[in-house]
N, C-alpha and C. Protein backbone atom coordinates (compact mmCIF):
# COMPACT_ATOMS: atom_id res chain seq x y z
N MET A 1 6.59 -4.56 -4.99
CA MET A 1 7.23 -3.93 -3.95
C MET A 1 8.21 -3.40 -4.30
N HIS A 2 8.58 -2.62 -3.24
CA HIS A 2 9.37 -1.26 -3.64
C HIS A 2 11.17 -1.81 -2.79
N ASP A 3 11.88 -1.03 -3.74
CA ASP A 3 13.44 -1.17 -3.31
C ASP A 3 13.59 -0.15 -2.56
N ASN A 4 13.19 0.90 -2.01
CA ASN A 4 13.78 1.86 -0.87
C ASN A 4 12.56 2.59 -0.05
N VAL A 5 12.95 2.90 0.94
CA VAL A 5 12.23 3.62 2.16
C VAL A 5 11.39 4.68 1.44
N LYS A 6 11.81 5.24 0.76
CA LYS A 6 11.09 6.63 0.47
C LYS A 6 9.88 6.30 -1.00
N ASP A 7 9.96 5.42 -1.58
CA ASP A 7 8.97 5.34 -2.50
C ASP A 7 7.81 3.99 -1.74
N CYS A 8 7.93 3.84 -0.87
CA CYS A 8 7.27 2.81 -0.20
C CYS A 8 6.24 4.03 0.70
N LEU A 9 6.70 4.86 1.48
CA LEU A 9 6.21 5.79 2.24
C LEU A 9 5.40 6.62 1.19
N LYS A 10 5.91 6.90 0.24
CA LYS A 10 4.87 7.56 -0.72
C LYS A 10 3.84 6.88 -1.28
N GLU A 11 3.93 6.16 -1.34
CA GLU A 11 2.45 5.21 -2.04
C GLU A 11 1.74 5.10 -0.65
N LEU A 12 2.04 4.71 0.63
CA LEU A 12 1.43 4.80 1.93
C LEU A 12 0.89 6.05 1.75
N LEU A 13 1.60 7.21 1.42
CA LEU A 13 0.82 8.64 1.99
C LEU A 13 -0.48 8.62 0.63
N ASP A 14 -0.26 8.31 -0.35
CA ASP A 14 -0.74 8.34 -1.72
C ASP A 14 -2.19 7.84 -1.37
N PHE A 15 -1.55 6.87 -0.83
CA PHE A 15 -3.44 5.47 -0.35
C PHE A 15 -3.80 6.24 0.55
N ASN A 16 -3.41 6.50 1.63
CA ASN A 16 -4.10 7.30 2.84
C ASN A 16 -4.31 8.83 2.78
N ASP A 17 -4.07 9.58 1.60
CA ASP A 17 -4.50 10.99 1.58
C ASP A 17 -6.24 10.78 1.66
N PRO A 18 -6.11 11.55 2.82
CA PRO A 18 -7.71 12.03 3.25
C PRO A 18 -8.66 12.82 1.53
N GLU A 19 -7.66 13.67 1.39
CA GLU A 19 -8.13 14.48 0.15
C GLU A 19 -8.58 13.88 -1.17
N SER A 20 -8.13 12.24 -1.27
CA SER A 20 -8.49 11.52 -2.25
C SER A 20 -9.50 11.38 -2.32
N LYS A 21 -10.19 11.44 -4.03
CA LYS A 21 -11.48 10.93 -3.90
C LYS A 21 -11.84 9.56 -5.33
N ASN A 22 -10.43 9.32 -5.58
CA ASN A 22 -10.54 8.61 -6.37
C ASN A 22 -9.54 7.36 -6.20
N PHE A 23 -9.87 6.81 -4.90
CA PHE A 23 -9.14 5.17 -4.75
C PHE A 23 -9.87 4.14 -5.47
N THR A 24 -9.47 3.75 -6.65
CA THR A 24 -9.49 2.45 -6.96
C THR A 24 -8.82 1.34 -7.08
N VAL A 25 -9.09 0.03 -7.26
CA VAL A 25 -8.20 -0.98 -7.35
C VAL A 25 -8.35 -1.82 -8.90
N LYS A 26 -6.83 -1.99 -9.22
CA LYS A 26 -7.08 -3.03 -10.35
C LYS A 26 -7.81 -4.41 -10.31
N GLU A 27 -8.57 -4.65 -10.83
CA GLU A 27 -9.27 -6.13 -10.84
C GLU A 27 -8.46 -6.99 -11.90
N ASP A 28 -7.93 -6.16 -13.15
CA ASP A 28 -7.47 -7.15 -14.12
C ASP A 28 -6.66 -6.03 -15.08
N ILE A 29 -6.23 -6.44 -16.27
CA ILE A 29 -5.56 -5.07 -17.06
C ILE A 29 -6.29 -4.33 -17.14
N GLU A 30 -7.93 -4.57 -17.36
CA GLU A 30 -8.75 -3.43 -18.18
C GLU A 30 -9.59 -3.13 -17.22
N PHE A 31 -9.89 -3.66 -15.60
CA PHE A 31 -10.77 -3.06 -14.99
C PHE A 31 -10.43 -2.63 -14.02
N ARG A 32 -10.95 -1.23 -13.46
CA ARG A 32 -10.57 -0.97 -12.00
C ARG A 32 -11.83 -0.80 -11.64
N ARG A 33 -12.19 -1.01 -10.29
CA ARG A 33 -13.45 -0.47 -9.46
C ARG A 33 -12.64 0.10 -8.18
N PRO A 34 -14.06 0.76 -7.59
CA PRO A 34 -13.68 1.60 -6.15
C PRO A 34 -13.18 0.65 -5.36
N GLY A 35 -12.23 1.28 -4.44
CA GLY A 35 -11.53 0.51 -3.56
C GLY A 35 -12.35 0.49 -2.44
N THR A 36 -12.44 -0.52 -1.45
CA THR A 36 -13.09 -0.35 -0.17
C THR A 36 -11.63 -0.40 0.97
N MET A 37 -12.69 -0.14 2.02
CA MET A 37 -11.48 -0.32 3.40
C MET A 37 -11.06 -1.53 3.37
N LYS A 38 -11.49 -2.84 3.19
CA LYS A 38 -10.64 -3.74 3.03
C LYS A 38 -8.96 -3.72 2.31
N ASP A 39 -9.53 -3.09 1.06
CA ASP A 39 -8.70 -3.09 0.17
C ASP A 39 -7.65 -2.06 0.77
N LEU A 40 -7.80 -0.93 1.09
CA LEU A 40 -7.00 -0.33 1.67
C LEU A 40 -5.83 -0.94 2.89
N LYS A 41 -6.62 -1.57 4.00
CA LYS A 41 -6.06 -1.77 5.09
C LYS A 41 -5.06 -3.34 3.94
N GLU A 42 -5.12 -4.04 3.30
CA GLU A 42 -4.63 -5.05 2.48
C GLU A 42 -3.13 -4.12 1.76
N LEU A 43 -3.77 -2.94 1.09
CA LEU A 43 -2.45 -2.39 0.55
C LEU A 43 -1.56 -1.69 1.78
N ASN A 44 -2.03 -1.30 2.62
CA ASN A 44 -1.22 -0.84 4.08
C ASN A 44 -0.52 -1.87 4.45
N THR A 45 -1.23 -3.12 4.61
CA THR A 45 -0.33 -4.06 5.27
C THR A 45 0.86 -4.54 4.58
N GLU A 46 0.58 -4.60 3.01
CA GLU A 46 1.53 -4.83 1.91
C GLU A 46 2.65 -3.84 1.99
N ASP A 47 2.33 -2.82 2.13
CA ASP A 47 3.73 -1.63 2.22
C ASP A 47 4.15 -1.71 3.83
N LEU A 48 3.42 -2.06 4.68
CA LEU A 48 4.23 -1.73 5.93
C LEU A 48 5.13 -3.02 6.16
N ARG A 49 4.67 -4.11 5.77
CA ARG A 49 5.59 -5.43 5.65
C ARG A 49 6.57 -4.88 4.67
N ASN A 50 6.95 -4.28 3.64
CA ASN A 50 7.74 -3.98 2.83
C ASN A 50 9.17 -2.92 3.28
N LEU A 51 8.17 -1.78 4.14
CA LEU A 51 8.92 -1.13 5.17
C LEU A 51 9.74 -2.27 6.22
N ALA A 52 9.03 -2.67 6.74
CA ALA A 52 9.91 -3.77 7.70
C ALA A 52 11.10 -4.36 7.02
N ASP A 53 10.49 -5.17 5.73
CA ASP A 53 11.52 -5.50 5.27
C ASP A 53 12.85 -5.05 4.91
N LEU A 54 12.81 -3.63 4.24
CA LEU A 54 13.79 -2.59 4.13
C LEU A 54 14.59 -2.44 5.13
N LEU A 55 13.93 -2.30 6.26
CA LEU A 55 14.60 -1.78 7.50
C LEU A 55 15.19 -3.03 8.54
N GLY A 56 15.22 -4.18 8.25
CA GLY A 56 15.53 -5.35 8.68
C GLY A 56 14.89 -5.49 9.69
N MET A 57 13.45 -5.48 9.82
CA MET A 57 12.72 -6.12 10.77
C MET A 57 11.60 -6.73 10.42
N THR A 58 11.91 -7.43 9.93
CA THR A 58 11.06 -8.75 9.45
C THR A 58 10.19 -9.26 10.61
N ASP A 59 11.09 -9.45 11.54
CA ASP A 59 10.39 -9.99 12.80
C ASP A 59 9.17 -9.71 13.34
N LEU A 60 8.87 -8.00 13.13
CA LEU A 60 7.77 -7.47 13.02
C LEU A 60 6.40 -8.16 12.78
N TYR A 61 6.31 -8.96 11.79
CA TYR A 61 5.09 -9.69 11.15
C TYR A 61 5.19 -10.92 10.86
N LEU A 62 6.44 -11.54 11.29
CA LEU A 62 6.40 -13.34 11.21
C LEU A 62 6.06 -13.29 12.98
């Protein structure tokens, strides 16, 4: 969870960069695996909810 809008937006932009070829997901401390579309959607949803919280718009997802 981010403490400010800028960091949250930066993460969303990084996750969704169409030029990125190395989208991986951390399974545990030592293992990463290639990310799936479902992983990307889950990360996006988490960050979008974080943004809504930071902007005082929690009602958008509750």
